[in-house]
Amino acid sequence: MTEYTLISVLTNYYYWTSIFFLFLQAIAWQIALKNFSLNYAYMFNSLYYPMVLLLSYFVFSEYISFANLFGTMLIIVGLILSKKV
């Protein structure tokens, strides 16, 4: 098993890439909150789950179970119902 030290973490390319994208996400969230109401922005925040499911299938060839599909469909149905209200 790999031993993780402070130096190995701080010199890891994937760590700094994830920090960079976290920074971009924080900026995008602030822009979204500036332009949209909070309930509208959170509604689209729920779309991350279906996007991660699809990306993991197409990029990493992961298996999608019935429970994954069912949960994703519940999220999408919830988004549709909340949009109608």
N, C-alpha and C. Protein backbone atom coordinates (compact mmCIF):
# COMPACT_ATOMS: atom_id res chain seq x y z
N MET A 1 0.84 -1.17 0.00
CA MET A 1 0.00 0.00 0.00
C MET A 1 0.89 1.24 0.00
N THR A 2 0.47 2.24 -0.75
CA THR A 2 1.25 3.46 -0.87
C THR A 2 1.13 4.31 0.38
N GLU A 3 2.26 4.81 0.83
CA GLU A 3 2.25 5.70 1.99
C GLU A 3 2.13 7.13 1.49
N TYR A 4 1.19 7.86 2.04
CA TYR A 4 0.96 9.23 1.64
C TYR A 4 1.63 10.18 2.63
N THR A 5 2.49 11.02 2.10
CA THR A 5 3.14 12.03 2.91
C THR A 5 2.70 13.40 2.40
N LEU A 6 3.00 14.41 3.15
CA LEU A 6 2.64 15.77 2.74
C LEU A 6 3.30 16.13 1.42
N ILE A 7 4.53 15.76 1.26
CA ILE A 7 5.26 16.07 0.01
C ILE A 7 4.65 15.32 -1.18
N SER A 8 4.28 14.06 -0.99
CA SER A 8 3.71 13.30 -2.10
C SER A 8 2.35 13.84 -2.50
N VAL A 9 1.59 14.36 -1.56
CA VAL A 9 0.30 14.95 -1.88
C VAL A 9 0.48 16.28 -2.59
N LEU A 10 1.37 17.11 -2.08
CA LEU A 10 1.57 18.45 -2.65
C LEU A 10 2.24 18.42 -4.02
N THR A 11 2.89 17.34 -4.37
CA THR A 11 3.50 17.22 -5.70
C THR A 11 2.66 16.37 -6.64
N ASN A 12 1.47 16.01 -6.23
CA ASN A 12 0.61 15.18 -7.05
C ASN A 12 -0.16 16.04 -8.04
N TYR A 13 -0.03 15.72 -9.31
CA TYR A 13 -0.72 16.46 -10.39
C TYR A 13 -2.23 16.38 -10.24
N TYR A 14 -2.75 15.23 -9.90
CA TYR A 14 -4.20 15.06 -9.78
C TYR A 14 -4.77 15.89 -8.63
N TYR A 15 -4.02 16.03 -7.57
CA TYR A 15 -4.46 16.85 -6.44
C TYR A 15 -4.62 18.30 -6.87
N TRP A 16 -3.62 18.84 -7.55
CA TRP A 16 -3.69 20.24 -7.97
C TRP A 16 -4.74 20.45 -9.06
N THR A 17 -4.95 19.47 -9.91
CA THR A 17 -6.01 19.57 -10.92
C THR A 17 -7.37 19.61 -10.25
N SER A 18 -7.57 18.78 -9.23
CA SER A 18 -8.86 18.79 -8.53
C SER A 18 -9.06 20.10 -7.77
N ILE A 19 -8.01 20.67 -7.20
CA ILE A 19 -8.11 21.97 -6.52
C ILE A 19 -8.47 23.06 -7.53
N PHE A 20 -7.88 23.01 -8.72
CA PHE A 20 -8.18 23.98 -9.76
C PHE A 20 -9.65 23.91 -10.17
N PHE A 21 -10.15 22.70 -10.41
CA PHE A 21 -11.55 22.56 -10.81
C PHE A 21 -12.51 22.90 -9.68
N LEU A 22 -12.11 22.67 -8.46
CA LEU A 22 -12.92 23.09 -7.32
C LEU A 22 -13.01 24.62 -7.27
N PHE A 23 -11.91 25.29 -7.56
CA PHE A 23 -11.89 26.75 -7.64
C PHE A 23 -12.81 27.25 -8.75
N LEU A 24 -12.75 26.61 -9.93
CA LEU A 24 -13.64 26.99 -11.04
C LEU A 24 -15.11 26.78 -10.68
N GLN A 25 -15.40 25.69 -9.99
CA GLN A 25 -16.77 25.40 -9.59
C GLN A 25 -17.27 26.45 -8.62
N ALA A 26 -16.43 26.91 -7.71
CA ALA A 26 -16.83 27.93 -6.75
C ALA A 26 -17.12 29.26 -7.45
N ILE A 27 -16.33 29.59 -8.44
CA ILE A 27 -16.57 30.82 -9.20
C ILE A 27 -17.87 30.69 -10.00
N ALA A 28 -18.07 29.55 -10.65
CA ALA A 28 -19.29 29.34 -11.42
C ALA A 28 -20.53 29.39 -10.53
N TRP A 29 -20.42 28.86 -9.31
CA TRP A 29 -21.55 28.89 -8.38
C TRP A 29 -21.88 30.31 -7.97
N GLN A 30 -20.87 31.12 -7.75
CA GLN A 30 -21.11 32.53 -7.39
C GLN A 30 -21.76 33.27 -8.55
N ILE A 31 -21.34 33.00 -9.76
CA ILE A 31 -21.95 33.64 -10.93
C ILE A 31 -23.40 33.18 -11.08
N ALA A 32 -23.66 31.91 -10.86
CA ALA A 32 -25.03 31.40 -10.96
C ALA A 32 -25.92 32.04 -9.90
N LEU A 33 -25.42 32.18 -8.68
CA LEU A 33 -26.22 32.79 -7.62
C LEU A 33 -26.45 34.28 -7.88
N LYS A 34 -25.54 34.91 -8.57
CA LYS A 34 -25.70 36.32 -8.90
C LYS A 34 -26.80 36.51 -9.94
N ASN A 35 -26.95 35.54 -10.84
CA ASN A 35 -27.89 35.68 -11.96
C ASN A 35 -29.22 34.96 -11.77
N PHE A 36 -29.28 34.00 -10.85
CA PHE A 36 -30.49 33.20 -10.67
C PHE A 36 -30.85 33.12 -9.20
N SER A 37 -32.10 32.80 -8.92
CA SER A 37 -32.51 32.62 -7.53
C SER A 37 -31.93 31.31 -7.00
N LEU A 38 -31.86 31.21 -5.67
CA LEU A 38 -31.21 30.06 -5.05
C LEU A 38 -31.95 28.76 -5.36
N ASN A 39 -33.28 28.77 -5.32
CA ASN A 39 -34.01 27.52 -5.58
C ASN A 39 -33.86 27.08 -7.03
N TYR A 40 -33.73 28.01 -7.94
CA TYR A 40 -33.52 27.66 -9.35
C TYR A 40 -32.11 27.10 -9.55
N ALA A 41 -31.13 27.71 -8.91
CA ALA A 41 -29.74 27.24 -9.03
C ALA A 41 -29.58 25.85 -8.42
N TYR A 42 -30.20 25.60 -7.27
CA TYR A 42 -30.10 24.28 -6.65
C TYR A 42 -30.79 23.20 -7.47
N MET A 43 -31.83 23.60 -8.19
CA MET A 43 -32.51 22.63 -9.03
C MET A 43 -31.53 22.09 -10.09
N PHE A 44 -30.76 22.97 -10.69
CA PHE A 44 -29.79 22.51 -11.69
C PHE A 44 -28.57 21.85 -11.05
N ASN A 45 -28.32 22.14 -9.80
CA ASN A 45 -27.25 21.47 -9.08
C ASN A 45 -27.54 19.97 -8.96
N SER A 46 -28.82 19.60 -8.96
CA SER A 46 -29.20 18.19 -8.88
C SER A 46 -28.89 17.42 -10.16
N LEU A 47 -28.59 18.13 -11.22
CA LEU A 47 -28.26 17.44 -12.48
C LEU A 47 -26.86 16.84 -12.47
N TYR A 48 -26.07 17.12 -11.43
CA TYR A 48 -24.74 16.53 -11.33
C TYR A 48 -24.81 15.01 -11.25
N TYR A 49 -25.78 14.49 -10.53
CA TYR A 49 -25.88 13.04 -10.35
C TYR A 49 -26.11 12.29 -11.66
N PRO A 50 -27.07 12.71 -12.49
CA PRO A 50 -27.21 12.02 -13.78
C PRO A 50 -25.99 12.22 -14.69
N MET A 51 -25.37 13.41 -14.64
CA MET A 51 -24.19 13.64 -15.48
C MET A 51 -23.03 12.75 -15.06
N VAL A 52 -22.83 12.59 -13.76
CA VAL A 52 -21.75 11.72 -13.28
C VAL A 52 -22.03 10.27 -13.67
N LEU A 53 -23.27 9.85 -13.62
CA LEU A 53 -23.63 8.49 -14.01
C LEU A 53 -23.30 8.26 -15.49
N LEU A 54 -23.69 9.20 -16.34
CA LEU A 54 -23.43 9.04 -17.77
C LEU A 54 -21.95 9.13 -18.10
N LEU A 55 -21.25 10.07 -17.48
CA LEU A 55 -19.82 10.19 -17.74
C LEU A 55 -19.05 8.97 -17.26
N SER A 56 -19.44 8.42 -16.11
CA SER A 56 -18.74 7.23 -15.62
C SER A 56 -18.98 6.04 -16.54
N TYR A 57 -20.14 6.00 -17.16
CA TYR A 57 -20.44 4.90 -18.09
C TYR A 57 -19.63 5.06 -19.38
N PHE A 58 -19.64 6.25 -19.96
CA PHE A 58 -18.99 6.45 -21.26
C PHE A 58 -17.48 6.62 -21.15
N VAL A 59 -16.99 7.26 -20.11
CA VAL A 59 -15.56 7.52 -19.99
C VAL A 59 -14.83 6.34 -19.35
N PHE A 60 -15.40 5.79 -18.27
CA PHE A 60 -14.72 4.74 -17.52
C PHE A 60 -15.30 3.36 -17.74
N SER A 61 -16.33 3.25 -18.58
CA SER A 61 -16.99 1.97 -18.89
C SER A 61 -17.48 1.27 -17.63
N GLU A 62 -18.01 2.04 -16.68
CA GLU A 62 -18.53 1.46 -15.45
C GLU A 62 -19.90 0.85 -15.69
N TYR A 63 -20.22 -0.12 -14.86
CA TYR A 63 -21.50 -0.80 -14.93
C TYR A 63 -22.57 0.06 -14.27
N ILE A 64 -23.72 0.18 -14.94
CA ILE A 64 -24.84 0.92 -14.38
C ILE A 64 -25.90 -0.09 -13.96
N SER A 65 -26.20 -0.12 -12.68
CA SER A 65 -27.17 -1.07 -12.16
C SER A 65 -28.59 -0.51 -12.26
N PHE A 66 -29.54 -1.36 -11.99
CA PHE A 66 -30.93 -0.92 -11.97
C PHE A 66 -31.15 0.13 -10.89
N ALA A 67 -30.51 -0.03 -9.76
CA ALA A 67 -30.64 0.95 -8.67
C ALA A 67 -30.10 2.31 -9.10
N ASN A 68 -28.99 2.33 -9.86
CA ASN A 68 -28.46 3.59 -10.36
C ASN A 68 -29.45 4.26 -11.30
N LEU A 69 -30.01 3.47 -12.22
CA LEU A 69 -30.99 4.03 -13.16
C LEU A 69 -32.25 4.51 -12.44
N PHE A 70 -32.70 3.74 -11.49
CA PHE A 70 -33.91 4.11 -10.75
C PHE A 70 -33.70 5.40 -9.97
N GLY A 71 -32.57 5.51 -9.31
CA GLY A 71 -32.27 6.73 -8.56
C GLY A 71 -32.14 7.94 -9.47
N THR A 72 -31.51 7.76 -10.61
CA THR A 72 -31.36 8.86 -11.57
C THR A 72 -32.72 9.28 -12.11
N MET A 73 -33.57 8.31 -12.38
CA MET A 73 -34.91 8.65 -12.87
C MET A 73 -35.71 9.39 -11.80
N LEU A 74 -35.55 9.02 -10.54
CA LEU A 74 -36.23 9.75 -9.46
C LEU A 74 -35.77 11.21 -9.40
N ILE A 75 -34.49 11.42 -9.59
CA ILE A 75 -33.96 12.79 -9.59
C ILE A 75 -34.54 13.58 -10.76
N ILE A 76 -34.57 12.97 -11.94
CA ILE A 76 -35.09 13.68 -13.11
C ILE A 76 -36.58 13.96 -12.97
N VAL A 77 -37.34 13.00 -12.46
CA VAL A 77 -38.78 13.23 -12.24
C VAL A 77 -38.98 14.34 -11.20
N GLY A 78 -38.17 14.35 -10.16
CA GLY A 78 -38.25 15.42 -9.17
C GLY A 78 -37.95 16.77 -9.76
N LEU A 79 -36.98 16.84 -10.66
CA LEU A 79 -36.67 18.10 -11.32
C LEU A 79 -37.81 18.57 -12.22
N ILE A 80 -38.41 17.63 -12.93
CA ILE A 80 -39.55 17.99 -13.78
C ILE A 80 -40.72 18.49 -12.94
N LEU A 81 -41.01 17.79 -11.84
CA LEU A 81 -42.12 18.20 -10.97
C LEU A 81 -41.84 19.54 -10.31
N SER A 82 -40.61 19.79 -9.90
CA SER A 82 -40.30 21.06 -9.26
C SER A 82 -40.32 22.21 -10.25
N LYS A 83 -40.05 21.94 -11.50
CA LYS A 83 -40.10 22.97 -12.52
C LYS A 83 -41.53 23.41 -12.80
N LYS A 84 -42.49 22.48 -12.67
CA LYS A 84 -43.89 22.80 -12.93
C LYS A 84 -44.52 23.63 -11.82
N VAL A 85 -43.92 23.59 -10.63
CA VAL A 85 -44.51 24.31 -9.49
C VAL A 85 -44.21 25.78 -9.57
